[in-house]
Amino acid sequence: MSFFLNLKESPIFKIITNVFVVILVPFIIWMLFVDENSYLIHGKYDKEIEDLESTISFYEDKITKDKETIKKLQDSLELERFAREQYLMKKENEDIYIIEFDTIKK
């Protein structure tokens, strides 16, 4: 019986059985790990935001390159060159030869 009396008088037991500690510790655990707005879920959302921001920057770069291409294609000579290179278009009575290089190392 004296063990329990000594335990009851110890400062650690008094801190652990304090009403505020009994309420605060489960609340903190709940908010950090269990709640729908928990710290773990915020980490997942932060990663998703970073991925979306990198996607946005990729598409913004692509848009600027496409705008430059459109500006270049305003010239009829550039438009003809683009059509010949990209879509293999040709003039009448003209032959096109496509040369492909074997880049596979054996």
PDB file of N, CA and C in Angstrom:
ATOM      1  N   MET A   1       0.819  -1.190   0.000  1.00  0.00           N
ATOM      2  CA  MET A   1       0.000   0.000   0.000  1.00  0.00           C
ATOM      3  C   MET A   1       0.861   1.251   0.000  1.00  0.00           C
ATOM      4  N   SER A   2       2.031   1.169   0.621  1.00  0.00           N
ATOM      5  CA  SER A   2       2.905   2.341   0.700  1.00  0.00           C
ATOM      6  C   SER A   2       3.437   2.735  -0.690  1.00  0.00           C
ATOM      7  N   PHE A   3       3.561   1.724  -1.587  1.00  0.00           N
ATOM      8  CA  PHE A   3       4.007   2.018  -2.955  1.00  0.00           C
ATOM      9  C   PHE A   3       3.028   2.971  -3.636  1.00  0.00           C
ATOM     10  N   PHE A   4       1.747   2.708  -3.478  1.00  0.00           N
ATOM     11  CA  PHE A   4       0.742   3.573  -4.098  1.00  0.00           C
ATOM     12  C   PHE A   4       0.707   4.961  -3.466  1.00  0.00           C
ATOM     13  N   LEU A   5       0.946   5.009  -2.171  1.00  0.00           N
ATOM     14  CA  LEU A   5       0.989   6.315  -1.508  1.00  0.00           C
ATOM     15  C   LEU A   5       2.209   7.112  -1.966  1.00  0.00           C
ATOM     16  N   ASN A   6       3.327   6.444  -2.116  1.00  0.00           N
ATOM     17  CA  ASN A   6       4.526   7.117  -2.614  1.00  0.00           C
ATOM     18  C   ASN A   6       4.333   7.558  -4.067  1.00  0.00           C
ATOM     19  N   LEU A   7       3.675   6.709  -4.848  1.00  0.00           N
ATOM     20  CA  LEU A   7       3.394   7.045  -6.241  1.00  0.00           C
ATOM     21  C   LEU A   7       2.477   8.248  -6.336  1.00  0.00           C
ATOM     22  N   LYS A   8       1.492   8.287  -5.463  1.00  0.00           N
ATOM     23  CA  LYS A   8       0.540   9.387  -5.469  1.00  0.00           C
ATOM     24  C   LYS A   8       1.204  10.702  -5.064  1.00  0.00           C
ATOM     25  N   GLU A   9       2.227  10.649  -4.269  1.00  0.00           N
ATOM     26  CA  GLU A   9       2.910  11.856  -3.815  1.00  0.00           C
ATOM     27  C   GLU A   9       4.016  12.312  -4.769  1.00  0.00           C
ATOM     28  N   SER A  10       4.381  11.497  -5.736  1.00  0.00           N
ATOM     29  CA  SER A  10       5.482  11.860  -6.633  1.00  0.00           C
ATOM     30  C   SER A  10       5.062  13.006  -7.560  1.00  0.00           C
ATOM     31  N   PRO A  11       5.998  13.876  -7.943  1.00  0.00           N
ATOM     32  CA  PRO A  11       5.666  15.035  -8.785  1.00  0.00           C
ATOM     33  C   PRO A  11       5.253  14.635 -10.206  1.00  0.00           C
ATOM     34  N   ILE A  12       5.798  13.567 -10.711  1.00  0.00           N
ATOM     35  CA  ILE A  12       5.440  13.112 -12.060  1.00  0.00           C
ATOM     36  C   ILE A  12       3.977  12.688 -12.096  1.00  0.00           C
ATOM     37  N   PHE A  13       3.539  11.967 -11.089  1.00  0.00           N
ATOM     38  CA  PHE A  13       2.148  11.533 -11.023  1.00  0.00           C
ATOM     39  C   PHE A  13       1.203  12.726 -10.945  1.00  0.00           C
ATOM     40  N   LYS A  14       1.621  13.743 -10.194  1.00  0.00           N
ATOM     41  CA  LYS A  14       0.788  14.937 -10.072  1.00  0.00           C
ATOM     42  C   LYS A  14       0.663  15.659 -11.418  1.00  0.00           C
ATOM     43  N   ILE A  15       1.762  15.687 -12.175  1.00  0.00           N
ATOM     44  CA  ILE A  15       1.718  16.336 -13.489  1.00  0.00           C
ATOM     45  C   ILE A  15       0.853  15.545 -14.454  1.00  0.00           C
ATOM     46  N   ILE A  16       1.030  14.219 -14.468  1.00  0.00           N
ATOM     47  CA  ILE A  16       0.278  13.373 -15.397  1.00  0.00           C
ATOM     48  C   ILE A  16      -1.213  13.405 -15.100  1.00  0.00           C
ATOM     49  N   THR A  17      -1.591  13.468 -13.850  1.00  0.00           N
ATOM     50  CA  THR A  17      -3.016  13.450 -13.495  1.00  0.00           C
ATOM     51  C   THR A  17      -3.640  14.841 -13.455  1.00  0.00           C
ATOM     52  N   ASN A  18      -2.885  15.842 -13.815  1.00  0.00           N
ATOM     53  CA  ASN A  18      -3.434  17.189 -13.872  1.00  0.00           C
ATOM     54  C   ASN A  18      -4.540  17.228 -14.936  1.00  0.00           C
ATOM     55  N   VAL A  19      -5.617  17.905 -14.654  1.00  0.00           N
ATOM     56  CA  VAL A  19      -6.771  17.956 -15.557  1.00  0.00           C
ATOM     57  C   VAL A  19      -6.381  18.547 -16.906  1.00  0.00           C
ATOM     58  N   PHE A  20      -5.571  19.576 -16.890  1.00  0.00           N
ATOM     59  CA  PHE A  20      -5.176  20.218 -18.138  1.00  0.00           C
ATOM     60  C   PHE A  20      -4.331  19.290 -18.999  1.00  0.00           C
ATOM     61  N   VAL A  21      -3.424  18.554 -18.368  1.00  0.00           N
ATOM     62  CA  VAL A  21      -2.579  17.610 -19.116  1.00  0.00           C
ATOM     63  C   VAL A  21      -3.419  16.468 -19.669  1.00  0.00           C
ATOM     64  N   VAL A  22      -4.347  15.968 -18.881  1.00  0.00           N
ATOM     65  CA  VAL A  22      -5.212  14.866 -19.313  1.00  0.00           C
ATOM     66  C   VAL A  22      -6.042  15.280 -20.524  1.00  0.00           C
ATOM     67  N   ILE A  23      -6.437  16.528 -20.596  1.00  0.00           N
ATOM     68  CA  ILE A  23      -7.236  17.002 -21.729  1.00  0.00           C
ATOM     69  C   ILE A  23      -6.342  17.431 -22.890  1.00  0.00           C
ATOM     70  N   LEU A  24      -5.234  18.096 -22.612  1.00  0.00           N
ATOM     71  CA  LEU A  24      -4.388  18.674 -23.649  1.00  0.00           C
ATOM     72  C   LEU A  24      -3.642  17.621 -24.470  1.00  0.00           C
ATOM     73  N   VAL A  25      -3.110  16.598 -23.860  1.00  0.00           N
ATOM     74  CA  VAL A  25      -2.320  15.592 -24.587  1.00  0.00           C
ATOM     75  C   VAL A  25      -3.166  14.855 -25.634  1.00  0.00           C
ATOM     76  N   PRO A  26      -4.347  14.317 -25.289  1.00  0.00           N
ATOM     77  CA  PRO A  26      -5.144  13.678 -26.345  1.00  0.00           C
ATOM     78  C   PRO A  26      -5.585  14.667 -27.442  1.00  0.00           C
ATOM     79  N   PHE A  27      -5.843  15.910 -27.041  1.00  0.00           N
ATOM     80  CA  PHE A  27      -6.222  16.918 -28.032  1.00  0.00           C
ATOM     81  C   PHE A  27      -5.093  17.153 -29.033  1.00  0.00           C
ATOM     82  N   ILE A  28      -3.867  17.279 -28.528  1.00  0.00           N
ATOM     83  CA  ILE A  28      -2.719  17.493 -29.429  1.00  0.00           C
ATOM     84  C   ILE A  28      -2.514  16.297 -30.339  1.00  0.00           C
ATOM     85  N   ILE A  29      -2.600  15.089 -29.789  1.00  0.00           N
ATOM     86  CA  ILE A  29      -2.463  13.881 -30.611  1.00  0.00           C
ATOM     87  C   ILE A  29      -3.550  13.838 -31.676  1.00  0.00           C
ATOM     88  N   TRP A  30      -4.756  14.173 -31.293  1.00  0.00           N
ATOM     89  CA  TRP A  30      -5.880  14.182 -32.243  1.00  0.00           C
ATOM     90  C   TRP A  30      -5.624  15.187 -33.372  1.00  0.00           C
ATOM     91  N   MET A  31      -5.202  16.389 -33.013  1.00  0.00           N
ATOM     92  CA  MET A  31      -5.008  17.432 -34.018  1.00  0.00           C
ATOM     93  C   MET A  31      -3.822  17.131 -34.939  1.00  0.00           C
ATOM     94  N   LEU A  32      -2.790  16.476 -34.435  1.00  0.00           N
ATOM     95  CA  LEU A  32      -1.618  16.207 -35.264  1.00  0.00           C
ATOM     96  C   LEU A  32      -1.793  15.016 -36.192  1.00  0.00           C
ATOM     97  N   PHE A  33      -2.514  13.993 -35.770  1.00  0.00           N
ATOM     98  CA  PHE A  33      -2.522  12.758 -36.540  1.00  0.00           C
ATOM     99  C   PHE A  33      -3.894  12.287 -37.008  1.00  0.00           C
ATOM    100  N   VAL A  34      -4.965  12.573 -36.304  1.00  0.00           N
ATOM    101  CA  VAL A  34      -6.249  11.947 -36.582  1.00  0.00           C
ATOM    102  C   VAL A  34      -7.206  12.859 -37.334  1.00  0.00           C
ATOM    103  N   ASP A  35      -7.203  14.129 -37.053  1.00  0.00           N
ATOM    104  CA  ASP A  35      -8.176  15.067 -37.608  1.00  0.00           C
ATOM    105  C   ASP A  35      -8.036  15.182 -39.119  1.00  0.00           C
ATOM    106  N   GLU A  36      -9.100  15.598 -39.786  1.00  0.00           N
ATOM    107  CA  GLU A  36      -9.062  15.725 -41.247  1.00  0.00           C
ATOM    108  C   GLU A  36      -8.165  16.875 -41.699  1.00  0.00           C
ATOM    109  N   ASN A  37      -7.820  17.779 -40.824  1.00  0.00           N
ATOM    110  CA  ASN A  37      -6.874  18.852 -41.119  1.00  0.00           C
ATOM    111  C   ASN A  37      -5.560  18.629 -40.386  1.00  0.00           C
ATOM    112  N   SER A  38      -5.147  17.386 -40.270  1.00  0.00           N
ATOM    113  CA  SER A  38      -3.967  17.047 -39.481  1.00  0.00           C
ATOM    114  C   SER A  38      -2.683  17.493 -40.178  1.00  0.00           C
ATOM    115  N   TYR A  39      -1.615  17.427 -39.427  1.00  0.00           N
ATOM    116  CA  TYR A  39      -0.298  17.804 -39.935  1.00  0.00           C
ATOM    117  C   TYR A  39       0.110  16.909 -41.103  1.00  0.00           C
ATOM    118  N   LEU A  40      -0.191  15.633 -41.029  1.00  0.00           N
ATOM    119  CA  LEU A  40       0.170  14.701 -42.104  1.00  0.00           C
ATOM    120  C   LEU A  40      -0.560  15.047 -43.398  1.00  0.00           C
ATOM    121  N   ILE A  41      -1.823  15.391 -43.293  1.00  0.00           N
ATOM    122  CA  ILE A  41      -2.595  15.738 -44.486  1.00  0.00           C
ATOM    123  C   ILE A  41      -2.105  17.061 -45.064  1.00  0.00           C
ATOM    124  N   HIS A  42      -1.724  17.997 -44.210  1.00  0.00           N
ATOM    125  CA  HIS A  42      -1.175  19.257 -44.709  1.00  0.00           C
ATOM    126  C   HIS A  42       0.120  19.014 -45.473  1.00  0.00           C
ATOM    127  N   GLY A  43       0.930  18.074 -45.038  1.00  0.00           N
ATOM    128  CA  GLY A  43       2.146  17.726 -45.769  1.00  0.00           C
ATOM    129  C   GLY A  43       1.831  17.197 -47.152  1.00  0.00           C
ATOM    130  N   LYS A  44       0.798  16.345 -47.244  1.00  0.00           N
ATOM    131  CA  LYS A  44       0.383  15.807 -48.535  1.00  0.00           C
ATOM    132  C   LYS A  44      -0.130  16.934 -49.439  1.00  0.00           C
ATOM    133  N   TYR A  45      -0.895  17.858 -48.878  1.00  0.00           N
ATOM    134  CA  TYR A  45      -1.412  18.978 -49.661  1.00  0.00           C
ATOM    135  C   TYR A  45      -0.278  19.893 -50.127  1.00  0.00           C
ATOM    136  N   ASP A  46       0.726  20.106 -49.281  1.00  0.00           N
ATOM    137  CA  ASP A  46       1.856  20.939 -49.674  1.00  0.00           C
ATOM    138  C   ASP A  46       2.611  20.321 -50.848  1.00  0.00           C
ATOM    139  N   LYS A  47       2.780  19.009 -50.830  1.00  0.00           N
ATOM    140  CA  LYS A  47       3.453  18.333 -51.940  1.00  0.00           C
ATOM    141  C   LYS A  47       2.630  18.455 -53.214  1.00  0.00           C
ATOM    142  N   GLU A  48       1.323  18.308 -53.097  1.00  0.00           N
ATOM    143  CA  GLU A  48       0.449  18.440 -54.263  1.00  0.00           C
ATOM    144  C   GLU A  48       0.506  19.864 -54.823  1.00  0.00           C
ATOM    145  N   ILE A  49       0.576  20.859 -53.950  1.00  0.00           N
ATOM    146  CA  ILE A  49       0.685  22.251 -54.400  1.00  0.00           C
ATOM    147  C   ILE A  49       1.996  22.468 -55.151  1.00  0.00           C
ATOM    148  N   GLU A  50       3.089  21.906 -54.643  1.00  0.00           N
ATOM    149  CA  GLU A  50       4.379  22.034 -55.329  1.00  0.00           C
ATOM    150  C   GLU A  50       4.324  21.390 -56.707  1.00  0.00           C
ATOM    151  N   ASP A  51       3.702  20.217 -56.811  1.00  0.00           N
ATOM    152  CA  ASP A  51       3.572  19.552 -58.102  1.00  0.00           C
ATOM    153  C   ASP A  51       2.758  20.400 -59.073  1.00  0.00           C
ATOM    154  N   LEU A  52       1.662  20.969 -58.604  1.00  0.00           N
ATOM    155  CA  LEU A  52       0.828  21.795 -59.464  1.00  0.00           C
ATOM    156  C   LEU A  52       1.545  23.071 -59.890  1.00  0.00           C
ATOM    157  N   GLU A  53       2.324  23.661 -58.987  1.00  0.00           N
ATOM    158  CA  GLU A  53       3.077  24.859 -59.353  1.00  0.00           C
ATOM    159  C   GLU A  53       4.151  24.548 -60.391  1.00  0.00           C
ATOM    160  N   SER A  54       4.789  23.385 -60.283  1.00  0.00           N
ATOM    161  CA  SER A  54       5.778  23.017 -61.304  1.00  0.00           C
ATOM    162  C   SER A  54       5.099  22.752 -62.644  1.00  0.00           C
ATOM    163  N   THR A  55       3.905  22.180 -62.614  1.00  0.00           N
ATOM    164  CA  THR A  55       3.152  21.968 -63.847  1.00  0.00           C
ATOM    165  C   THR A  55       2.768  23.307 -64.472  1.00  0.00           C
ATOM    166  N   ILE A  56       2.363  24.253 -63.639  1.00  0.00           N
ATOM    167  CA  ILE A  56       2.005  25.581 -64.139  1.00  0.00           C
ATOM    168  C   ILE A  56       3.204  26.248 -64.802  1.00  0.00           C
ATOM    169  N   SER A  57       4.365  26.176 -64.157  1.00  0.00           N
ATOM    170  CA  SER A  57       5.549  26.806 -64.746  1.00  0.00           C
ATOM    171  C   SER A  57       5.947  26.111 -66.051  1.00  0.00           C
ATOM    172  N   PHE A  58       5.797  24.787 -66.127  1.00  0.00           N
ATOM    173  CA  PHE A  58       6.095  24.063 -67.368  1.00  0.00           C
ATOM    174  C   PHE A  58       5.203  24.547 -68.497  1.00  0.00           C
ATOM    175  N   TYR A  59       3.899  24.670 -68.235  1.00  0.00           N
ATOM    176  CA  TYR A  59       2.979  25.096 -69.284  1.00  0.00           C
ATOM    177  C   TYR A  59       3.155  26.574 -69.631  1.00  0.00           C
ATOM    178  N   GLU A  60       3.541  27.401 -68.684  1.00  0.00           N
ATOM    179  CA  GLU A  60       3.814  28.804 -69.000  1.00  0.00           C
ATOM    180  C   GLU A  60       5.022  28.913 -69.928  1.00  0.00           C
ATOM    181  N   ASP A  61       6.061  28.113 -69.684  1.00  0.00           N
ATOM    182  CA  ASP A  61       7.218  28.098 -70.582  1.00  0.00           C
ATOM    183  C   ASP A  61       6.818  27.618 -71.969  1.00  0.00           C
ATOM    184  N   LYS A  62       5.977  26.602 -72.007  1.00  0.00           N
ATOM    185  CA  LYS A  62       5.519  26.072 -73.296  1.00  0.00           C
ATOM    186  C   LYS A  62       4.697  27.121 -74.043  1.00  0.00           C
ATOM    187  N   ILE A  63       3.887  27.873 -73.330  1.00  0.00           N
ATOM    188  CA  ILE A  63       3.083  28.919 -73.959  1.00  0.00           C
ATOM    189  C   ILE A  63       3.974  29.996 -74.562  1.00  0.00           C
ATOM    190  N   THR A  64       5.023  30.399 -73.841  1.00  0.00           N
ATOM    191  CA  THR A  64       5.924  31.426 -74.389  1.00  0.00           C
ATOM    192  C   THR A  64       6.649  30.918 -75.627  1.00  0.00           C
ATOM    193  N   LYS A  65       7.058  29.644 -75.626  1.00  0.00           N
ATOM    194  CA  LYS A  65       7.709  29.083 -76.816  1.00  0.00           C
ATOM    195  C   LYS A  65       6.734  29.027 -77.985  1.00  0.00           C
ATOM    196  N   ASP A  66       5.489  28.650 -77.728  1.00  0.00           N
ATOM    197  CA  ASP A  66       4.498  28.605 -78.798  1.00  0.00           C
ATOM    198  C   ASP A  66       4.191  29.993 -79.341  1.00  0.00           C
ATOM    199  N   LYS A  67       4.172  31.005 -78.469  1.00  0.00           N
ATOM    200  CA  LYS A  67       3.959  32.379 -78.930  1.00  0.00           C
ATOM    201  C   LYS A  67       5.094  32.833 -79.833  1.00  0.00           C
ATOM    202  N   GLU A  68       6.327  32.460 -79.478  1.00  0.00           N
ATOM    203  CA  GLU A  68       7.465  32.796 -80.335  1.00  0.00           C
ATOM    204  C   GLU A  68       7.360  32.098 -81.680  1.00  0.00           C
ATOM    205  N   THR A  69       6.937  30.843 -81.671  1.00  0.00           N
ATOM    206  CA  THR A  69       6.766  30.106 -82.912  1.00  0.00           C
ATOM    207  C   THR A  69       5.684  30.743 -83.774  1.00  0.00           C
ATOM    208  N   ILE A  70       4.593  31.137 -83.174  1.00  0.00           N
ATOM    209  CA  ILE A  70       3.511  31.782 -83.920  1.00  0.00           C
ATOM    210  C   ILE A  70       3.998  33.102 -84.510  1.00  0.00           C
ATOM    211  N   LYS A  71       4.793  33.842 -83.734  1.00  0.00           N
ATOM    212  CA  LYS A  71       5.317  35.115 -84.244  1.00  0.00           C
ATOM    213  C   LYS A  71       6.232  34.876 -85.441  1.00  0.00           C
ATOM    214  N   LYS A  72       7.054  33.797 -85.374  1.00  0.00           N
ATOM    215  CA  LYS A  72       7.936  33.479 -86.491  1.00  0.00           C
ATOM    216  C   LYS A  72       7.147  33.053 -87.727  1.00  0.00           C
ATOM    217  N   LEU A  73       6.031  32.355 -87.517  1.00  0.00           N
ATOM    218  CA  LEU A  73       5.262  31.825 -88.641  1.00  0.00           C
ATOM    219  C   LEU A  73       4.446  32.894 -89.365  1.00  0.00           C
ATOM    220  N   GLN A  74       4.512  34.123 -88.904  1.00  0.00           N
ATOM    221  CA  GLN A  74       3.837  35.198 -89.628  1.00  0.00           C
ATOM    222  C   GLN A  74       4.517  35.456 -90.970  1.00  0.00           C
ATOM    223  N   ASP A  75       5.790  35.113 -91.060  1.00  0.00           N
ATOM    224  CA  ASP A  75       6.537  35.246 -92.312  1.00  0.00           C
ATOM    225  C   ASP A  75       6.238  34.033 -93.190  1.00  0.00           C
ATOM    226  N   SER A  76       5.942  34.252 -94.474  1.00  0.00           N
ATOM    227  CA  SER A  76       5.549  33.147 -95.359  1.00  0.00           C
ATOM    228  C   SER A  76       6.691  32.171 -95.599  1.00  0.00           C
ATOM    229  N   LEU A  77       7.942  32.666 -95.629  1.00  0.00           N
ATOM    230  CA  LEU A  77       9.070  31.751 -95.825  1.00  0.00           C
ATOM    231  C   LEU A  77       9.260  30.831 -94.623  1.00  0.00           C
ATOM    232  N   GLU A  78       9.107  31.400 -93.453  1.00  0.00           N
ATOM    233  CA  GLU A  78       9.212  30.575 -92.242  1.00  0.00           C
ATOM    234  C   GLU A  78       8.070  29.568 -92.164  1.00  0.00           C
ATOM    235  N   LEU A  79       6.892  29.987 -92.592  1.00  0.00           N
ATOM    236  CA  LEU A  79       5.736  29.083 -92.589  1.00  0.00           C
ATOM    237  C   LEU A  79       5.981  27.916 -93.534  1.00  0.00           C
ATOM    238  N   GLU A  80       6.528  28.204 -94.700  1.00  0.00           N
ATOM    239  CA  GLU A  80       6.831  27.146 -95.671  1.00  0.00           C
ATOM    240  C   GLU A  80       7.894  26.198 -95.115  1.00  0.00           C
ATOM    241  N   ARG A  81       8.931  26.754 -94.486  1.00  0.00           N
ATOM    242  CA  ARG A  81       9.992  25.921 -93.920  1.00  0.00           C
ATOM    243  C   ARG A  81       9.441  25.030 -92.807  1.00  0.00           C
ATOM    244  N   PHE A  82       8.586  25.604 -91.968  1.00  0.00           N
ATOM    245  CA  PHE A  82       7.979  24.840 -90.871  1.00  0.00           C
ATOM    246  C   PHE A  82       7.122  23.696 -91.423  1.00  0.00           C
ATOM    247  N   ALA A  83       6.313  23.985 -92.437  1.00  0.00           N
ATOM    248  CA  ALA A  83       5.453  22.950 -93.017  1.00  0.00           C
ATOM    249  C   ALA A  83       6.284  21.841 -93.652  1.00  0.00           C
ATOM    250  N   ARG A  84       7.366  22.207 -94.304  1.00  0.00           N
ATOM    251  CA  ARG A  84       8.216  21.183 -94.927  1.00  0.00           C
ATOM    252  C   ARG A  84       8.898  20.317 -93.864  1.00  0.00           C
ATOM    253  N   GLU A  85       9.382  20.925 -92.808  1.00  0.00           N
ATOM    254  CA  GLU A  85      10.119  20.158 -91.795  1.00  0.00           C
ATOM    255  C   GLU A  85       9.201  19.332 -90.911  1.00  0.00           C
ATOM    256  N   GLN A  86       8.106  19.926 -90.464  1.00  0.00           N
ATOM    257  CA  GLN A  86       7.263  19.252 -89.486  1.00  0.00           C
ATOM    258  C   GLN A  86       6.255  18.295 -90.117  1.00  0.00           C
ATOM    259  N   TYR A  87       5.679  18.694 -91.223  1.00  0.00           N
ATOM    260  CA  TYR A  87       4.596  17.899 -91.812  1.00  0.00           C
ATOM    261  C   TYR A  87       4.977  17.249 -93.128  1.00  0.00           C
ATOM    262  N   LEU A  88       6.250  17.357 -93.512  1.00  0.00           N
ATOM    263  CA  LEU A  88       6.785  16.729 -94.723  1.00  0.00           C
ATOM    264  C   LEU A  88       5.999  17.121 -95.968  1.00  0.00           C
ATOM    265  N   MET A  89       5.577  18.369 -96.046  1.00  0.00           N
ATOM    266  CA  MET A  89       4.875  18.864 -97.223  1.00  0.00           C
ATOM    267  C   MET A  89       5.903  19.164 -98.310  1.00  0.00           C
ATOM    268  N   LYS A  90       5.439  19.129 -99.542  1.00  0.00           N
ATOM    269  CA  LYS A  90       6.355  19.365-100.648  1.00  0.00           C
ATOM    270  C   LYS A  90       5.638  20.113-101.757  1.00  0.00           C
ATOM    271  N   LYS A  91       6.438  20.680-102.633  1.00  0.00           N
ATOM    272  CA  LYS A  91       5.894  21.334-103.819  1.00  0.00           C
ATOM    273  C   LYS A  91       5.664  20.273-104.884  1.00  0.00           C
ATOM    274  N   GLU A  92       4.921  20.658-105.927  1.00  0.00           N
ATOM    275  CA  GLU A  92       4.704  19.710-107.026  1.00  0.00           C
ATOM    276  C   GLU A  92       6.034  19.437-107.715  1.00  0.00           C
ATOM    277  N   ASN A  93       6.161  18.218-108.235  1.00  0.00           N
ATOM    278  CA  ASN A  93       7.367  17.767-108.938  1.00  0.00           C
ATOM    279  C   ASN A  93       8.612  17.891-108.056  1.00  0.00           C
ATOM    280  N   GLU A  94       8.473  17.587-106.799  1.00  0.00           N
ATOM    281  CA  GLU A  94       9.600  17.646-105.884  1.00  0.00           C
ATOM    282  C   GLU A  94       9.632  16.348-105.082  1.00  0.00           C
ATOM    283  N   ASP A  95      10.804  15.791-104.916  1.00  0.00           N
ATOM    284  CA  ASP A  95      10.955  14.568-104.140  1.00  0.00           C
ATOM    285  C   ASP A  95      11.550  14.905-102.774  1.00  0.00           C
ATOM    286  N   ILE A  96      11.098  14.165-101.783  1.00  0.00           N
ATOM    287  CA  ILE A  96      11.613  14.354-100.427  1.00  0.00           C
ATOM    288  C   ILE A  96      12.286  13.066 -99.992  1.00  0.00           C
ATOM    289  N   TYR A  97      13.498  13.197 -99.485  1.00  0.00           N
ATOM    290  CA  TYR A  97      14.223  12.055 -98.960  1.00  0.00           C
ATOM    291  C   TYR A  97      14.401  12.249 -97.460  1.00  0.00           C
ATOM    292  N   ILE A  98      13.975  11.258 -96.695  1.00  0.00           N
ATOM    293  CA  ILE A  98      14.101  11.308 -95.247  1.00  0.00           C
ATOM    294  C   ILE A  98      15.254  10.407 -94.845  1.00  0.00           C
ATOM    295  N   ILE A  99      16.206  10.982 -94.183  1.00  0.00           N
ATOM    296  CA  ILE A  99      17.377  10.227 -93.758  1.00  0.00           C
ATOM    297  C   ILE A  99      17.273  10.010 -92.255  1.00  0.00           C
ATOM    298  N   GLU A 100      17.244   8.743 -91.858  1.00  0.00           N
ATOM    299  CA  GLU A 100      17.204   8.395 -90.454  1.00  0.00           C
ATOM    300  C   GLU A 100      18.518   7.739 -90.076  1.00  0.00           C
ATOM    301  N   PHE A 101      19.052   8.139 -88.965  1.00  0.00           N
ATOM    302  CA  PHE A 101      20.308   7.586 -88.491  1.00  0.00           C
ATOM    303  C   PHE A 101      20.024   6.539 -87.420  1.00  0.00           C
ATOM    304  N   ASP A 102      20.779   5.441 -87.495  1.00  0.00           N
ATOM    305  CA  ASP A 102      20.655   4.393 -86.496  1.00  0.00           C
ATOM    306  C   ASP A 102      21.496   4.795 -85.282  1.00  0.00           C
ATOM    307  N   THR A 103      20.826   5.124 -84.187  1.00  0.00           N
ATOM    308  CA  THR A 103      21.548   5.601 -83.015  1.00  0.00           C
ATOM    309  C   THR A 103      21.693   4.518 -81.950  1.00  0.00           C
ATOM    310  N   ILE A 104      21.246   3.315 -82.241  1.00  0.00           N
ATOM    311  CA  ILE A 104      21.335   2.228 -81.280  1.00  0.00           C
ATOM    312  C   ILE A 104      22.744   1.643 -81.314  1.00  0.00           C
ATOM    313  N   LYS A 105      23.400   1.599 -80.160  1.00  0.00           N
ATOM    314  CA  LYS A 105      24.741   1.036 -80.079  1.00  0.00           C
ATOM    315  C   LYS A 105      24.637  -0.462 -79.852  1.00  0.00           C
ATOM    316  N   LYS A 106      25.450  -1.182 -80.580  1.00  0.00           N
ATOM    317  CA  LYS A 106      25.419  -2.646 -80.453  1.00  0.00           C
ATOM    318  C   LYS A 106      26.604  -3.127 -79.671  1.00  0.00           C
TER     319      LYS A 106
END
